[in-house]
Amino acid sequence: MTEVNQESVHQQLTALNYKADKMRFVTVEAMDEEMLESCTATEGECFYNSYMNVIYGKGERYVLGYRCEETIIDHAIIRKGDKYYDPTLQAQGDFQPYQYAVLTEFTVFDMMKHAKSNKDFPPDVDYILSKASKFKNVIDVEKLKQSK
C-alpha cells in the first residue's frame, strides 16, 4: 500500500474547511478481475463511473472524498459490503491499495436525488460544499463562511 503522511493529509483537509478529525479513513482495495470487467471504468471519470456502478448494482454506495496522496485529490469510489473499490483507477492497471478520506456515502436513492438537484451530475466535492449545512459533520461551516 502506498504510504502517505497522515499529518499532511489532515492539514490539507483542514485547509479545505473539512473536519479532518471527524472523517473516516479507509483502505481502497483491488476488486477481482471479473467484477472489474463488469464495471464502468472510463479513464479520468471517477464521479461518472462510480455513479453508474452504483446505479447498476456493482456497488452499494457512492463514496465521495479524497485520495490520500502527497497532494490530496477529490475522487469518487464505490463501497460493496465493507470493502471500498476504485474501478476507475484499477482499470488503468498496476493498482496499489491506498488510503481514502471519506466525506460522505450515498445510497443509490440519495445519490440520484442529489444528482437531480445538481443538474444531473453525480455529487462531487463542489456540490457537497454548496450544501455545507447538510454535511456539517465533516465540513467546518463557520470556517467555510469566513473564507468566502
N, C-alpha and C. Protein backbone atom coordinates (compact mmCIF):
# COMPACT_ATOMS: atom_id res chain seq x y z
N MET A 1 0.84 -1.19 0.00
CA MET A 1 0.00 0.00 0.00
C MET A 1 0.88 1.24 0.00
N THR A 2 0.42 2.24 -0.73
CA THR A 2 1.13 3.50 -0.79
C THR A 2 1.06 4.19 0.57
N GLU A 3 2.22 4.55 1.11
CA GLU A 3 2.29 5.23 2.40
C GLU A 3 2.20 6.74 2.18
N VAL A 4 1.39 7.39 3.00
CA VAL A 4 1.28 8.86 2.94
C VAL A 4 1.44 9.41 4.35
N ASN A 5 1.81 10.66 4.42
CA ASN A 5 1.96 11.34 5.69
C ASN A 5 0.57 11.77 6.16
N GLN A 6 0.03 11.07 7.18
CA GLN A 6 -1.31 11.35 7.67
C GLN A 6 -1.45 12.79 8.18
N GLU A 7 -0.41 13.30 8.80
CA GLU A 7 -0.47 14.67 9.31
C GLU A 7 -0.63 15.66 8.15
N SER A 8 0.08 15.43 7.07
CA SER A 8 -0.02 16.28 5.89
C SER A 8 -1.43 16.20 5.30
N VAL A 9 -1.99 15.00 5.23
CA VAL A 9 -3.35 14.82 4.71
C VAL A 9 -4.34 15.59 5.59
N HIS A 10 -4.21 15.46 6.91
CA HIS A 10 -5.09 16.18 7.83
C HIS A 10 -4.97 17.69 7.64
N GLN A 11 -3.75 18.19 7.47
CA GLN A 11 -3.54 19.63 7.26
C GLN A 11 -4.21 20.10 5.97
N GLN A 12 -4.06 19.31 4.91
CA GLN A 12 -4.67 19.68 3.62
C GLN A 12 -6.19 19.69 3.72
N LEU A 13 -6.76 18.68 4.37
CA LEU A 13 -8.22 18.62 4.53
C LEU A 13 -8.72 19.80 5.37
N THR A 14 -8.01 20.11 6.44
CA THR A 14 -8.38 21.24 7.31
C THR A 14 -8.31 22.55 6.53
N ALA A 15 -7.30 22.71 5.68
CA ALA A 15 -7.15 23.92 4.86
C ALA A 15 -8.32 24.08 3.88
N LEU A 16 -8.97 22.96 3.53
CA LEU A 16 -10.11 22.99 2.61
C LEU A 16 -11.45 23.11 3.36
N ASN A 17 -11.36 23.43 4.66
CA ASN A 17 -12.53 23.64 5.52
C ASN A 17 -13.25 22.35 5.92
N TYR A 18 -12.53 21.25 5.99
CA TYR A 18 -13.10 20.00 6.47
C TYR A 18 -12.68 19.76 7.91
N LYS A 19 -13.43 18.92 8.58
CA LYS A 19 -13.11 18.50 9.94
C LYS A 19 -12.38 17.16 9.82
N ALA A 20 -11.10 17.22 9.55
CA ALA A 20 -10.30 16.01 9.27
C ALA A 20 -10.39 15.00 10.41
N ASP A 21 -10.46 15.48 11.65
CA ASP A 21 -10.51 14.56 12.78
C ASP A 21 -11.85 13.82 12.88
N LYS A 22 -12.86 14.27 12.14
CA LYS A 22 -14.18 13.63 12.14
C LYS A 22 -14.38 12.71 10.92
N MET A 23 -13.42 12.72 10.01
CA MET A 23 -13.55 11.92 8.79
C MET A 23 -13.03 10.50 9.02
N ARG A 24 -13.65 9.57 8.30
CA ARG A 24 -13.18 8.18 8.34
C ARG A 24 -12.13 8.01 7.23
N PHE A 25 -11.10 7.24 7.55
CA PHE A 25 -10.08 6.90 6.57
C PHE A 25 -10.17 5.41 6.33
N VAL A 26 -10.28 5.02 5.06
CA VAL A 26 -10.45 3.62 4.70
C VAL A 26 -9.37 3.22 3.69
N THR A 27 -9.19 1.93 3.54
CA THR A 27 -8.27 1.41 2.53
C THR A 27 -9.07 0.98 1.31
N VAL A 28 -8.70 1.49 0.15
CA VAL A 28 -9.32 1.11 -1.11
C VAL A 28 -8.53 -0.09 -1.65
N GLU A 29 -9.25 -1.18 -1.92
CA GLU A 29 -8.63 -2.43 -2.33
C GLU A 29 -8.92 -2.72 -3.80
N ALA A 30 -8.21 -3.70 -4.33
CA ALA A 30 -8.46 -4.15 -5.70
C ALA A 30 -9.65 -5.12 -5.69
N MET A 31 -10.52 -4.97 -6.66
CA MET A 31 -11.62 -5.93 -6.80
C MET A 31 -11.18 -7.05 -7.72
N ASP A 32 -11.88 -8.17 -7.69
CA ASP A 32 -11.47 -9.28 -8.56
C ASP A 32 -11.73 -8.89 -10.02
N GLU A 33 -10.96 -9.49 -10.90
CA GLU A 33 -10.99 -9.12 -12.33
C GLU A 33 -12.37 -9.25 -12.95
N GLU A 34 -13.11 -10.29 -12.56
CA GLU A 34 -14.44 -10.50 -13.12
C GLU A 34 -15.37 -9.33 -12.77
N MET A 35 -15.30 -8.89 -11.53
CA MET A 35 -16.12 -7.75 -11.11
C MET A 35 -15.67 -6.48 -11.83
N LEU A 36 -14.36 -6.27 -11.94
CA LEU A 36 -13.83 -5.09 -12.63
C LEU A 36 -14.30 -5.05 -14.08
N GLU A 37 -14.29 -6.21 -14.75
CA GLU A 37 -14.72 -6.29 -16.16
C GLU A 37 -16.15 -5.81 -16.35
N SER A 38 -17.00 -6.00 -15.32
CA SER A 38 -18.41 -5.63 -15.44
C SER A 38 -18.68 -4.18 -15.04
N CYS A 39 -17.66 -3.50 -14.55
CA CYS A 39 -17.82 -2.12 -14.07
C CYS A 39 -17.60 -1.09 -15.18
N THR A 40 -18.26 0.05 -15.04
CA THR A 40 -17.98 1.21 -15.88
C THR A 40 -16.67 1.80 -15.35
N ALA A 41 -15.70 1.97 -16.24
CA ALA A 41 -14.38 2.44 -15.79
C ALA A 41 -13.71 3.35 -16.81
N THR A 42 -14.45 4.34 -17.32
CA THR A 42 -13.90 5.30 -18.27
C THR A 42 -12.77 6.07 -17.60
N GLU A 43 -11.62 6.12 -18.27
CA GLU A 43 -10.44 6.78 -17.69
C GLU A 43 -10.72 8.23 -17.34
N GLY A 44 -10.32 8.63 -16.12
CA GLY A 44 -10.44 10.01 -15.68
C GLY A 44 -11.86 10.45 -15.33
N GLU A 45 -12.79 9.53 -15.23
CA GLU A 45 -14.20 9.88 -14.96
C GLU A 45 -14.71 9.20 -13.69
N CYS A 46 -14.01 9.37 -12.58
CA CYS A 46 -14.35 8.65 -11.35
C CYS A 46 -15.75 8.94 -10.84
N PHE A 47 -16.24 10.18 -10.97
CA PHE A 47 -17.56 10.54 -10.46
C PHE A 47 -18.64 9.84 -11.30
N TYR A 48 -18.52 9.94 -12.61
CA TYR A 48 -19.47 9.27 -13.51
C TYR A 48 -19.40 7.76 -13.33
N ASN A 49 -18.20 7.20 -13.32
CA ASN A 49 -18.04 5.75 -13.19
C ASN A 49 -18.67 5.24 -11.91
N SER A 50 -18.36 5.88 -10.79
CA SER A 50 -18.89 5.43 -9.50
C SER A 50 -20.41 5.55 -9.49
N TYR A 51 -20.91 6.63 -10.05
CA TYR A 51 -22.36 6.84 -10.15
C TYR A 51 -23.02 5.69 -10.92
N MET A 52 -22.49 5.41 -12.10
CA MET A 52 -23.06 4.35 -12.94
C MET A 52 -22.92 2.97 -12.28
N ASN A 53 -21.79 2.73 -11.63
CA ASN A 53 -21.59 1.43 -10.99
C ASN A 53 -22.56 1.19 -9.85
N VAL A 54 -22.93 2.25 -9.14
CA VAL A 54 -23.93 2.10 -8.07
C VAL A 54 -25.33 1.93 -8.68
N ILE A 55 -25.64 2.68 -9.71
CA ILE A 55 -26.95 2.53 -10.37
C ILE A 55 -27.13 1.09 -10.86
N TYR A 56 -26.09 0.52 -11.43
CA TYR A 56 -26.19 -0.84 -11.98
C TYR A 56 -25.82 -1.94 -10.99
N GLY A 57 -25.76 -1.60 -9.71
CA GLY A 57 -25.59 -2.60 -8.67
C GLY A 57 -24.21 -3.19 -8.50
N LYS A 58 -23.20 -2.57 -9.09
CA LYS A 58 -21.82 -3.06 -8.93
C LYS A 58 -21.25 -2.64 -7.57
N GLY A 59 -21.86 -1.60 -7.01
CA GLY A 59 -21.51 -1.13 -5.67
C GLY A 59 -22.79 -0.77 -4.95
N GLU A 60 -22.74 -0.77 -3.62
CA GLU A 60 -23.92 -0.44 -2.83
C GLU A 60 -23.97 1.04 -2.45
N ARG A 61 -22.79 1.67 -2.43
CA ARG A 61 -22.71 3.08 -2.04
C ARG A 61 -21.78 3.84 -2.97
N TYR A 62 -22.18 5.07 -3.26
CA TYR A 62 -21.34 6.03 -3.97
C TYR A 62 -20.59 6.77 -2.87
N VAL A 63 -19.27 6.73 -2.91
CA VAL A 63 -18.46 7.29 -1.83
C VAL A 63 -17.67 8.47 -2.36
N LEU A 64 -17.85 9.61 -1.69
CA LEU A 64 -17.20 10.84 -2.11
C LEU A 64 -16.16 11.23 -1.07
N GLY A 65 -14.98 11.63 -1.54
CA GLY A 65 -13.93 12.03 -0.61
C GLY A 65 -12.65 12.37 -1.34
N TYR A 66 -11.53 12.00 -0.71
CA TYR A 66 -10.21 12.35 -1.25
C TYR A 66 -9.26 11.16 -1.21
N ARG A 67 -8.56 10.97 -2.35
CA ARG A 67 -7.44 10.02 -2.36
C ARG A 67 -6.32 10.64 -1.56
N CYS A 68 -5.78 9.88 -0.63
CA CYS A 68 -4.69 10.39 0.21
C CYS A 68 -3.36 10.14 -0.50
N GLU A 69 -2.87 11.19 -1.11
CA GLU A 69 -1.57 11.16 -1.78
C GLU A 69 -0.78 12.34 -1.25
N GLU A 70 0.40 12.57 -1.80
CA GLU A 70 1.20 13.71 -1.33
C GLU A 70 0.36 14.99 -1.36
N THR A 71 -0.37 15.17 -2.46
CA THR A 71 -1.38 16.22 -2.56
C THR A 71 -2.71 15.49 -2.72
N ILE A 72 -3.66 15.73 -1.81
CA ILE A 72 -4.93 15.00 -1.86
C ILE A 72 -5.69 15.34 -3.14
N ILE A 73 -6.48 14.37 -3.61
CA ILE A 73 -7.22 14.51 -4.87
C ILE A 73 -8.67 14.15 -4.61
N ASP A 74 -9.61 15.07 -4.95
CA ASP A 74 -11.03 14.74 -4.80
C ASP A 74 -11.37 13.62 -5.78
N HIS A 75 -12.16 12.67 -5.29
CA HIS A 75 -12.33 11.43 -6.03
C HIS A 75 -13.60 10.73 -5.54
N ALA A 76 -14.21 9.94 -6.41
CA ALA A 76 -15.36 9.12 -6.03
C ALA A 76 -15.01 7.65 -6.24
N ILE A 77 -15.45 6.82 -5.30
CA ILE A 77 -15.23 5.38 -5.36
C ILE A 77 -16.55 4.70 -5.01
N ILE A 78 -16.54 3.38 -4.93
CA ILE A 78 -17.74 2.64 -4.53
C ILE A 78 -17.44 1.76 -3.32
N ARG A 79 -18.52 1.45 -2.60
CA ARG A 79 -18.41 0.50 -1.49
C ARG A 79 -19.35 -0.65 -1.77
N LYS A 80 -18.85 -1.85 -1.54
CA LYS A 80 -19.67 -3.05 -1.64
C LYS A 80 -19.41 -3.84 -0.38
N GLY A 81 -20.46 -4.04 0.43
CA GLY A 81 -20.27 -4.66 1.74
C GLY A 81 -19.43 -3.73 2.58
N ASP A 82 -18.37 -4.27 3.17
CA ASP A 82 -17.48 -3.41 3.97
C ASP A 82 -16.17 -3.11 3.26
N LYS A 83 -16.15 -3.32 1.94
CA LYS A 83 -14.94 -3.07 1.15
C LYS A 83 -15.15 -1.88 0.23
N TYR A 84 -14.04 -1.17 -0.01
CA TYR A 84 -14.04 0.02 -0.86
C TYR A 84 -13.22 -0.28 -2.11
N TYR A 85 -13.77 0.12 -3.28
CA TYR A 85 -13.13 -0.17 -4.56
C TYR A 85 -13.07 1.08 -5.43
N ASP A 86 -12.09 1.09 -6.32
CA ASP A 86 -11.91 2.19 -7.26
C ASP A 86 -11.72 1.63 -8.67
N PRO A 87 -12.85 1.29 -9.35
CA PRO A 87 -12.72 0.71 -10.69
C PRO A 87 -12.04 1.66 -11.68
N THR A 88 -12.18 2.96 -11.50
CA THR A 88 -11.57 3.92 -12.43
C THR A 88 -10.05 3.80 -12.40
N LEU A 89 -9.48 3.82 -11.21
CA LEU A 89 -8.02 3.72 -11.07
C LEU A 89 -7.53 2.30 -11.37
N GLN A 90 -8.27 1.31 -10.90
CA GLN A 90 -7.83 -0.08 -11.10
C GLN A 90 -7.81 -0.47 -12.58
N ALA A 91 -8.74 0.05 -13.36
CA ALA A 91 -8.80 -0.28 -14.78
C ALA A 91 -7.57 0.22 -15.55
N GLN A 92 -6.86 1.20 -14.99
CA GLN A 92 -5.66 1.72 -15.64
C GLN A 92 -4.48 0.76 -15.51
N GLY A 93 -4.61 -0.24 -14.62
CA GLY A 93 -3.55 -1.23 -14.44
C GLY A 93 -2.61 -0.86 -13.31
N ASP A 94 -1.83 -1.85 -12.86
CA ASP A 94 -0.84 -1.69 -11.78
C ASP A 94 -1.44 -1.01 -10.56
N PHE A 95 -2.60 -1.49 -10.12
CA PHE A 95 -3.30 -0.89 -8.98
C PHE A 95 -2.64 -1.27 -7.66
N GLN A 96 -2.47 -0.27 -6.80
CA GLN A 96 -1.96 -0.48 -5.44
C GLN A 96 -3.02 0.02 -4.46
N PRO A 97 -3.34 -0.76 -3.43
CA PRO A 97 -4.29 -0.26 -2.42
C PRO A 97 -3.81 1.08 -1.88
N TYR A 98 -4.75 1.93 -1.50
CA TYR A 98 -4.39 3.25 -0.99
C TYR A 98 -5.39 3.71 0.07
N GLN A 99 -5.02 4.75 0.80
CA GLN A 99 -5.87 5.34 1.83
C GLN A 99 -6.79 6.38 1.19
N TYR A 100 -7.99 6.47 1.75
CA TYR A 100 -9.01 7.35 1.21
C TYR A 100 -9.74 8.03 2.37
N ALA A 101 -9.92 9.33 2.29
CA ALA A 101 -10.65 10.09 3.31
C ALA A 101 -12.10 10.24 2.86
N VAL A 102 -13.02 9.66 3.62
CA VAL A 102 -14.44 9.65 3.25
C VAL A 102 -15.13 10.93 3.73
N LEU A 103 -15.73 11.66 2.78
CA LEU A 103 -16.58 12.80 3.13
C LEU A 103 -17.99 12.31 3.43
N THR A 104 -18.54 11.52 2.50
CA THR A 104 -19.89 11.00 2.67
C THR A 104 -20.11 9.81 1.75
N GLU A 105 -21.13 9.03 2.07
CA GLU A 105 -21.53 7.90 1.25
C GLU A 105 -23.02 8.05 0.93
N PHE A 106 -23.38 7.73 -0.30
CA PHE A 106 -24.77 7.83 -0.72
C PHE A 106 -25.31 6.47 -1.15
N THR A 107 -26.55 6.16 -0.75
CA THR A 107 -27.25 5.02 -1.31
C THR A 107 -27.64 5.41 -2.73
N VAL A 108 -28.10 4.47 -3.52
CA VAL A 108 -28.48 4.77 -4.90
C VAL A 108 -29.59 5.83 -4.91
N PHE A 109 -30.56 5.72 -4.01
CA PHE A 109 -31.67 6.69 -3.97
C PHE A 109 -31.16 8.09 -3.65
N ASP A 110 -30.35 8.21 -2.60
CA ASP A 110 -29.82 9.52 -2.21
C ASP A 110 -28.91 10.10 -3.28
N MET A 111 -28.11 9.25 -3.88
CA MET A 111 -27.19 9.70 -4.93
C MET A 111 -27.98 10.29 -6.10
N MET A 112 -29.04 9.60 -6.51
CA MET A 112 -29.84 10.08 -7.64
C MET A 112 -30.60 11.35 -7.28
N LYS A 113 -31.07 11.45 -6.04
CA LYS A 113 -31.77 12.65 -5.57
C LYS A 113 -30.83 13.85 -5.61
N HIS A 114 -29.60 13.66 -5.13
CA HIS A 114 -28.62 14.76 -5.15
C HIS A 114 -28.22 15.09 -6.58
N ALA A 115 -28.10 14.10 -7.43
CA ALA A 115 -27.74 14.36 -8.83
C ALA A 115 -28.83 15.20 -9.50
N LYS A 116 -30.07 14.90 -9.19
CA LYS A 116 -31.19 15.66 -9.77
C LYS A 116 -31.09 17.14 -9.41
N SER A 117 -30.68 17.44 -8.17
CA SER A 117 -30.55 18.85 -7.79
C SER A 117 -29.19 19.43 -8.16
N ASN A 118 -28.35 18.63 -8.84
CA ASN A 118 -27.03 19.06 -9.28
C ASN A 118 -26.95 19.04 -10.81
N LYS A 119 -28.05 19.42 -11.47
CA LYS A 119 -28.11 19.45 -12.94
C LYS A 119 -27.76 18.11 -13.56
N ASP A 120 -28.19 17.02 -12.91
CA ASP A 120 -27.99 15.64 -13.36
C ASP A 120 -26.53 15.18 -13.35
N PHE A 121 -25.68 15.90 -12.62
CA PHE A 121 -24.30 15.45 -12.44
C PHE A 121 -24.20 14.69 -11.12
N PRO A 122 -23.36 13.67 -11.07
CA PRO A 122 -23.15 12.98 -9.80
C PRO A 122 -22.62 13.96 -8.75
N PRO A 123 -22.99 13.77 -7.49
CA PRO A 123 -22.48 14.66 -6.45
C PRO A 123 -20.95 14.65 -6.44
N ASP A 124 -20.37 15.85 -6.34
CA ASP A 124 -18.92 15.97 -6.26
C ASP A 124 -18.59 16.89 -5.09
N VAL A 125 -17.33 17.19 -4.89
CA VAL A 125 -16.89 17.99 -3.75
C VAL A 125 -17.50 19.39 -3.79
N ASP A 126 -17.55 20.03 -4.95
CA ASP A 126 -18.13 21.37 -5.05
C ASP A 126 -19.61 21.35 -4.66
N TYR A 127 -20.31 20.31 -5.07
CA TYR A 127 -21.73 20.17 -4.72
C TYR A 127 -21.88 20.04 -3.20
N ILE A 128 -21.07 19.19 -2.59
CA ILE A 128 -21.13 18.98 -1.13
C ILE A 128 -20.85 20.30 -0.40
N LEU A 129 -19.84 21.03 -0.86
CA LEU A 129 -19.53 22.32 -0.23
C LEU A 129 -20.67 23.32 -0.40
N SER A 130 -21.38 23.25 -1.52
CA SER A 130 -22.51 24.16 -1.74
C SER A 130 -23.68 23.81 -0.82
N LYS A 131 -23.70 22.61 -0.31
CA LYS A 131 -24.74 22.15 0.62
C LYS A 131 -24.13 21.91 2.00
N ALA A 132 -23.16 22.72 2.37
CA ALA A 132 -22.35 22.51 3.58
C ALA A 132 -23.18 22.29 4.84
N SER A 133 -24.27 22.99 5.00
CA SER A 133 -25.06 22.85 6.23
C SER A 133 -25.63 21.44 6.40
N LYS A 134 -25.79 20.72 5.30
CA LYS A 134 -26.29 19.34 5.37
C LYS A 134 -25.16 18.34 5.66
N PHE A 135 -23.93 18.80 5.57
CA PHE A 135 -22.77 17.92 5.77
C PHE A 135 -21.84 18.48 6.85
N LYS A 136 -22.42 19.17 7.84
CA LYS A 136 -21.59 19.84 8.84
C LYS A 136 -20.87 18.87 9.78
N ASN A 137 -21.18 17.58 9.67
CA ASN A 137 -20.40 16.60 10.44
C ASN A 137 -18.97 16.53 9.93
N VAL A 138 -18.73 16.83 8.65
CA VAL A 138 -17.37 16.79 8.11
C VAL A 138 -16.90 18.12 7.53
N ILE A 139 -17.79 19.10 7.43
CA ILE A 139 -17.42 20.41 6.90
C ILE A 139 -17.48 21.44 8.03
N ASP A 140 -16.43 22.21 8.16
CA ASP A 140 -16.38 23.29 9.16
C ASP A 140 -17.12 24.49 8.56
N VAL A 141 -18.43 24.53 8.79
CA VAL A 141 -19.30 25.52 8.17
C VAL A 141 -18.88 26.95 8.53
N GLU A 142 -18.54 27.19 9.78
CA GLU A 142 -18.13 28.54 10.20
C GLU A 142 -16.87 28.99 9.48
N LYS A 143 -15.90 28.11 9.41
CA LYS A 143 -14.65 28.44 8.72
C LYS A 143 -14.90 28.66 7.22
N LEU A 144 -15.79 27.87 6.65
CA LEU A 144 -16.14 28.00 5.25
C LEU A 144 -16.76 29.38 4.97
N LYS A 145 -17.67 29.83 5.85
CA LYS A 145 -18.30 31.14 5.69
C LYS A 145 -17.26 32.27 5.75
N GLN A 146 -16.29 32.12 6.66
CA GLN A 146 -15.25 33.14 6.82
C GLN A 146 -14.34 33.23 5.61
N SER A 147 -14.15 32.11 4.92
CA SER A 147 -13.22 32.09 3.79
C SER A 147 -13.86 32.62 2.50
N LYS A 148 -15.15 32.90 2.54
CA LYS A 148 -15.82 33.40 1.33
C LYS A 148 -15.77 34.89 1.24
